[in-house]
Amino acid sequence: MSLPSEINSILLRDVEDVSEIRALEDLQIKVWGDGERDIVPLSQLIAARYVGGTLIGAFDDKKLVGFAYGFYGHVAGRLVHHSHMLAVDPAYRDHNLGFRLKAAQRERVLAANITNRMTWTFDPLQSLNAHFNFAKLGVLSDTYKINVYGEEATSFLHQNGTDRLFVTWLLDRPRVEDLVTRGEGTRGPLTGAGREPLLLLRNSDSGRPEPAAGFEEIAEVNLVAVEIPSDINSVERTDIGKARQWRGETRRVFTEALSKGFVIVDYFLKDERSGTYLLKRSSLDEAFE
């Protein structure tokens, strides 16, 4: 097998040729498994592209090694561009292609001058995705969705429910612009500011979720935190019961905190065992300022 090329030789461009769009189907199966019901088919990708959707590929010479796919929709009366899929060939995951693809998608949406908002969903128990979304891109979230794809799932990715955080990326805000320009993560505007958040859920010494503070204690605080395991996939492989405890407890804490006016504003790796979400009492738009 040939080794991946250097990052600068990998070209990002719009995908237009039917044979290249067919390759998108194959890459989805390579990345997420062979469940045909779970892939976005060629016909849908072509239709979305015709009406202004984004379909951006990363190419190593002529080989498709990653893509980003999105389409326009509306949320609470606001037009958004929903970034539905981002996939990178496993052999190319050290090339920062996920970040480059999101940045390219952002450029396309801003150039269209239709909306300044992108949205997508991800599993809040996936620590690396949380770091990518919050620390590297600067998204925020005020919405937790329970079992987005139903309780019965066919994909190997869906062994522990399909809860998702629905995130918003305000593309033209200074912090987002700064993060995309620098291409590296930050601790954000709140961490390191000398204010300790109230911890609601901790990763205990046993590796199980442990309530740390009750919701009766948050009335007078504006900053709270939620810990998760740094590798939930390993937990799922070794102790699915423990993994399901994490799903249940994080679902409870996030839904309660968001219902009380908090917004998820940041995520950082605490140590090799745990990561920490930071939540601020704020509206979504105010938290972007």
Protein backbone atom coordinates (compact mmCIF):
# COMPACT_ATOMS: atom_id res chain seq x y z
CA MET A 1 0.00 0.00 0.00
CA SER A 2 1.35 3.42 -0.91
CA LEU A 3 1.95 5.89 1.88
CA PRO A 4 -0.07 9.14 2.06
CA SER A 5 1.48 12.13 0.37
CA GLU A 6 2.59 15.20 2.26
CA ILE A 7 -0.23 17.43 3.42
CA ASN A 8 0.56 20.26 0.98
CA SER A 9 0.18 17.91 -1.99
CA ILE A 10 -3.40 16.96 -1.03
CA LEU A 11 -5.79 19.13 -3.04
CA LEU A 12 -9.18 20.27 -1.75
CA ARG A 13 -11.75 21.05 -4.42
CA ASP A 14 -15.45 20.73 -5.20
CA VAL A 15 -16.54 17.25 -6.27
CA GLU A 16 -18.49 17.32 -9.53
CA ASP A 17 -17.70 14.24 -11.62
CA VAL A 18 -20.12 11.33 -11.17
CA SER A 19 -17.28 8.83 -10.80
CA GLU A 20 -15.83 10.92 -7.98
CA ILE A 21 -19.22 11.11 -6.27
CA ARG A 22 -19.43 7.33 -6.57
CA ALA A 23 -16.10 7.19 -4.77
CA LEU A 24 -17.77 9.12 -1.92
CA GLU A 25 -20.11 6.17 -1.41
CA ASP A 26 -17.12 3.82 -1.20
CA LEU A 27 -15.29 6.06 1.25
CA GLN A 28 -18.32 6.20 3.55
CA ILE A 29 -18.34 2.40 3.71
CA LYS A 30 -14.58 2.32 4.33
CA VAL A 31 -14.85 4.80 7.20
CA TRP A 32 -18.14 3.77 8.84
CA GLY A 33 -18.77 0.17 7.82
CA ASP A 34 -20.74 -1.69 5.19
CA GLY A 35 -24.31 -0.93 6.28
CA GLU A 36 -25.80 0.28 3.00
CA ARG A 37 -28.72 1.91 4.80
CA ASP A 38 -26.30 4.23 6.60
CA ILE A 39 -24.61 5.83 3.59
CA VAL A 40 -25.75 8.89 1.67
CA PRO A 41 -26.21 7.62 -1.91
CA LEU A 42 -24.96 9.17 -5.14
CA SER A 43 -28.43 10.38 -6.15
CA GLN A 44 -28.84 12.41 -2.94
CA LEU A 45 -25.33 13.87 -3.17
CA ILE A 46 -25.92 15.00 -6.75
CA ALA A 47 -29.32 16.50 -5.91
CA ALA A 48 -27.94 18.45 -2.94
CA ARG A 49 -25.09 19.80 -5.06
CA TYR A 50 -27.55 21.05 -7.72
CA VAL A 51 -29.37 23.21 -5.16
CA GLY A 52 -26.32 24.78 -3.52
CA GLY A 53 -25.10 22.09 -1.15
CA THR A 54 -21.38 21.76 -0.42
CA LEU A 55 -19.55 18.68 -1.65
CA ILE A 56 -15.81 19.14 -1.14
CA GLY A 57 -13.27 16.42 -1.69
CA ALA A 58 -9.68 15.95 -0.55
CA PHE A 59 -7.59 14.31 -3.28
CA ASP A 60 -4.17 12.69 -3.11
CA ASP A 61 -3.42 12.91 -6.82
CA LYS A 62 -6.64 11.35 -8.20
CA LYS A 63 -7.48 9.34 -5.10
CA LEU A 64 -10.36 10.61 -2.93
CA VAL A 65 -9.15 10.53 0.68
CA GLY A 66 -11.72 12.72 2.43
CA PHE A 67 -14.86 14.78 1.90
CA ALA A 68 -17.28 17.21 3.52
CA TYR A 69 -20.97 17.29 2.59
CA GLY A 70 -23.60 19.83 3.60
CA PHE A 71 -26.90 21.38 2.55
CA TYR A 72 -29.10 24.35 3.42
CA GLY A 73 -31.98 24.19 5.87
CA HIS A 74 -33.54 26.27 8.62
CA VAL A 75 -33.50 26.06 12.41
CA ALA A 76 -35.86 28.15 14.55
CA GLY A 77 -36.63 30.36 11.56
CA ARG A 78 -32.99 30.98 10.67
CA LEU A 79 -31.31 29.76 7.50
CA VAL A 80 -28.35 27.48 8.20
CA HIS A 81 -25.93 25.34 6.24
CA HIS A 82 -25.99 21.90 7.82
CA SER A 83 -22.70 20.03 7.57
CA HIS A 84 -24.06 16.50 7.50
CA MET A 85 -20.93 14.43 6.85
CA LEU A 86 -17.18 14.70 7.23
CA ALA A 87 -15.06 11.65 6.44
CA VAL A 88 -11.32 11.05 6.15
CA ASP A 89 -9.63 7.85 4.99
CA PRO A 90 -8.09 6.27 8.14
CA ALA A 91 -4.64 6.26 6.48
CA TYR A 92 -4.78 10.07 6.18
CA ARG A 93 -5.97 11.07 9.64
CA ASP A 94 -2.65 12.65 10.64
CA HIS A 95 -2.89 15.16 7.79
CA ASN A 96 -5.30 17.62 9.51
CA LEU A 97 -7.74 17.03 6.66
CA GLY A 98 -10.85 17.22 8.84
CA PHE A 99 -9.93 20.75 9.85
CA ARG A 100 -9.02 21.74 6.29
CA LEU A 101 -12.32 20.38 4.95
CA LYS A 102 -14.36 22.28 7.55
CA ALA A 103 -12.41 25.46 6.79
CA ALA A 104 -13.08 25.02 3.06
CA GLN A 105 -16.77 24.43 3.76
CA ARG A 106 -16.84 27.63 5.79
CA GLU A 107 -15.29 29.56 2.90
CA ARG A 108 -17.94 28.26 0.48
CA VAL A 109 -20.82 29.21 2.77
CA LEU A 110 -19.48 32.70 3.50
CA ALA A 111 -18.85 33.29 -0.21
CA ALA A 112 -22.47 32.38 -1.01
CA ASN A 113 -23.56 35.22 1.34
CA ILE A 114 -26.78 33.45 2.28
CA THR A 115 -26.13 32.66 5.94
CA ASN A 116 -23.34 32.95 8.49
CA ARG A 117 -24.37 29.79 10.37
CA MET A 118 -23.28 26.20 10.02
CA THR A 119 -24.71 23.39 12.11
CA TRP A 120 -24.01 19.69 12.62
CA THR A 121 -24.33 16.95 15.22
CA PHE A 122 -21.87 14.68 16.99
CA ASP A 123 -21.81 12.17 19.83
CA PRO A 124 -20.99 14.10 23.04
CA LEU A 125 -19.16 11.08 24.48
CA GLN A 126 -16.57 11.16 21.68
CA SER A 127 -13.74 13.12 23.29
CA LEU A 128 -11.62 13.69 20.17
CA ASN A 129 -14.63 15.00 18.25
CA ALA A 130 -15.52 17.28 21.17
CA HIS A 131 -12.01 18.73 21.18
CA PHE A 132 -12.06 19.18 17.41
CA ASN A 133 -15.44 20.91 17.41
CA PHE A 134 -15.15 23.17 20.45
CA ALA A 135 -11.43 23.83 20.91
CA LYS A 136 -10.27 23.84 17.27
CA LEU A 137 -13.32 25.20 15.43
CA GLY A 138 -15.07 27.22 18.13
CA VAL A 139 -18.61 25.83 17.93
CA LEU A 140 -21.22 26.21 20.66
CA SER A 141 -24.21 24.06 21.58
CA ASP A 142 -27.51 24.73 23.32
CA THR A 143 -29.32 21.60 22.10
CA TYR A 144 -29.08 17.94 23.15
CA LYS A 145 -30.93 15.44 20.96
CA ILE A 146 -31.85 11.99 22.27
CA ASN A 147 -31.48 8.96 19.98
CA VAL A 148 -31.34 10.96 16.76
CA TYR A 149 -31.17 7.78 14.65
CA GLY A 150 -33.47 5.70 16.81
CA GLU A 151 -32.80 3.20 19.56
CA GLU A 152 -32.28 0.32 17.15
CA ALA A 153 -29.17 0.96 15.05
CA THR A 154 -27.42 -1.23 12.50
CA SER A 155 -24.06 0.53 12.42
CA PHE A 156 -21.09 -0.56 14.52
CA LEU A 157 -20.83 3.13 15.48
CA HIS A 158 -24.18 2.97 17.26
CA GLN A 159 -23.68 0.44 20.05
CA ASN A 160 -24.54 2.84 22.84
CA GLY A 161 -27.48 4.89 21.62
CA THR A 162 -27.44 7.74 19.13
CA ASP A 163 -27.64 10.83 21.34
CA ARG A 164 -26.12 13.89 19.72
CA LEU A 165 -25.14 17.46 20.52
CA PHE A 166 -26.49 19.85 17.91
CA VAL A 167 -23.77 22.47 17.46
CA THR A 168 -23.76 25.91 15.84
CA TRP A 169 -20.77 27.54 14.15
CA LEU A 170 -21.10 31.29 13.63
CA LEU A 171 -18.72 31.59 10.71
CA ASP A 172 -17.96 35.30 10.77
CA ARG A 173 -17.34 35.83 14.50
CA PRO A 174 -13.81 37.00 15.45
CA ARG A 175 -13.01 34.00 17.64
CA VAL A 176 -13.96 31.57 14.86
CA GLU A 177 -11.96 33.57 12.32
CA ASP A 178 -8.96 33.52 14.64
CA LEU A 179 -9.16 29.77 15.24
CA VAL A 180 -9.51 28.94 11.55
CA THR A 181 -6.68 31.30 10.59
CA ARG A 182 -4.29 29.89 13.19
CA GLY A 183 -5.38 26.30 12.63
CA GLU A 184 -4.88 25.25 16.23
CA GLY A 185 -6.94 24.82 19.36
CA THR A 186 -7.36 27.25 22.21
CA ARG A 187 -8.62 27.08 25.73
CA GLY A 188 -11.25 29.60 24.79
CA PRO A 189 -12.30 32.88 26.41
CA LEU A 190 -13.37 31.37 29.74
CA THR A 191 -10.81 28.78 30.83
CA GLY A 192 -7.76 30.03 32.58
CA ALA A 193 -9.64 33.14 33.67
CA GLY A 194 -9.41 32.40 37.36
CA ARG A 195 -12.98 31.18 37.69
CA GLU A 196 -13.49 27.57 38.73
CA PRO A 197 -16.66 26.05 37.26
CA LEU A 198 -19.00 24.00 39.41
CA LEU A 199 -18.41 20.34 38.48
CA LEU A 200 -21.70 18.52 37.84
CA LEU A 201 -20.40 15.10 36.77
CA ARG A 202 -16.97 13.54 37.32
CA ASN A 203 -15.12 10.53 36.00
CA SER A 204 -14.61 8.58 39.23
CA ASP A 205 -11.58 6.45 40.12
CA SER A 206 -13.62 3.39 39.06
CA GLY A 207 -14.16 4.91 35.61
CA ARG A 208 -17.89 5.30 36.23
CA PRO A 209 -19.86 8.55 36.09
CA GLU A 210 -20.31 10.10 39.52
CA PRO A 211 -22.59 13.08 40.26
CA ALA A 212 -20.51 15.84 41.82
CA ALA A 213 -23.01 18.65 42.42
CA GLY A 214 -26.78 18.81 42.34
CA PHE A 215 -28.80 21.15 40.20
CA GLU A 216 -30.06 22.91 43.30
CA GLU A 217 -26.52 24.30 43.59
CA ILE A 218 -26.32 25.98 40.19
CA ALA A 219 -28.83 28.77 40.75
CA GLU A 220 -26.10 31.25 41.71
CA VAL A 221 -23.32 30.12 39.35
CA ASN A 222 -22.69 30.99 35.72
CA LEU A 223 -20.09 28.36 34.88
CA VAL A 224 -20.41 24.57 35.23
CA ALA A 225 -18.41 21.59 33.98
CA VAL A 226 -19.07 17.99 32.91
CA GLU A 227 -16.37 15.31 32.70
CA ILE A 228 -16.41 12.39 30.26
CA PRO A 229 -13.98 9.52 29.61
CA SER A 230 -11.19 10.34 27.16
CA ASP A 231 -11.87 7.08 25.26
CA ILE A 232 -15.50 5.95 25.39
CA ASN A 233 -14.81 3.50 22.54
CA SER A 234 -12.48 1.53 24.79
CA VAL A 235 -15.09 1.57 27.56
CA GLU A 236 -17.71 0.22 25.13
CA ARG A 237 -15.40 -2.62 24.09
CA THR A 238 -14.55 -3.69 27.64
CA ASP A 239 -17.70 -2.86 29.66
CA ILE A 240 -20.82 -1.94 27.71
CA GLY A 241 -22.77 -1.57 30.97
CA LYS A 242 -20.40 1.14 32.15
CA ALA A 243 -20.59 2.85 28.76
CA ARG A 244 -24.38 2.90 29.00
CA GLN A 245 -24.12 4.45 32.46
CA TRP A 246 -22.11 7.24 30.86
CA ARG A 247 -24.76 7.70 28.22
CA GLY A 248 -27.53 7.92 30.78
CA GLU A 249 -25.75 10.27 33.18
CA THR A 250 -24.43 12.66 30.51
CA ARG A 251 -27.88 12.74 28.91
CA ARG A 252 -29.40 13.68 32.28
CA VAL A 253 -26.85 16.37 33.10
CA PHE A 254 -26.68 17.99 29.69
CA THR A 255 -30.43 18.14 29.15
CA GLU A 256 -30.98 19.60 32.61
CA ALA A 257 -28.20 22.20 32.33
CA LEU A 258 -29.25 23.32 28.84
CA SER A 259 -32.87 23.61 29.99
CA LYS A 260 -31.70 25.97 32.75
CA GLY A 261 -30.10 28.41 30.31
CA PHE A 262 -26.55 27.08 29.98
CA VAL A 263 -24.67 26.78 26.69
CA ILE A 264 -21.75 24.42 26.03
CA VAL A 265 -18.87 26.71 25.11
CA ASP A 266 -15.64 24.72 25.31
CA TYR A 267 -13.98 21.36 25.79
CA PHE A 268 -10.50 20.45 26.92
CA LEU A 269 -8.58 17.29 27.78
CA LYS A 270 -8.10 17.18 31.54
CA ASP A 271 -5.65 14.24 31.51
CA GLU A 272 -5.25 10.85 29.81
CA ARG A 273 -8.40 9.54 31.52
CA SER A 274 -10.85 12.40 31.19
CA GLY A 275 -12.00 15.42 29.24
CA THR A 276 -14.11 18.33 30.46
CA TYR A 277 -16.96 20.27 28.89
CA LEU A 278 -17.41 23.86 29.99
CA LEU A 279 -20.92 25.35 30.10
CA LYS A 280 -21.80 29.01 30.56
CA ARG A 281 -25.13 30.57 31.50
CA SER A 282 -25.83 32.54 28.34
CA SER A 283 -27.79 32.66 25.12
CA LEU A 284 -26.13 31.08 22.10
CA ASP A 285 -25.51 34.37 20.31
CA GLU A 286 -24.21 36.13 23.42
CA ALA A 287 -21.76 33.29 24.07
CA PHE A 288 -20.15 33.84 20.64
CA GLU A 289 -19.25 37.42 21.53
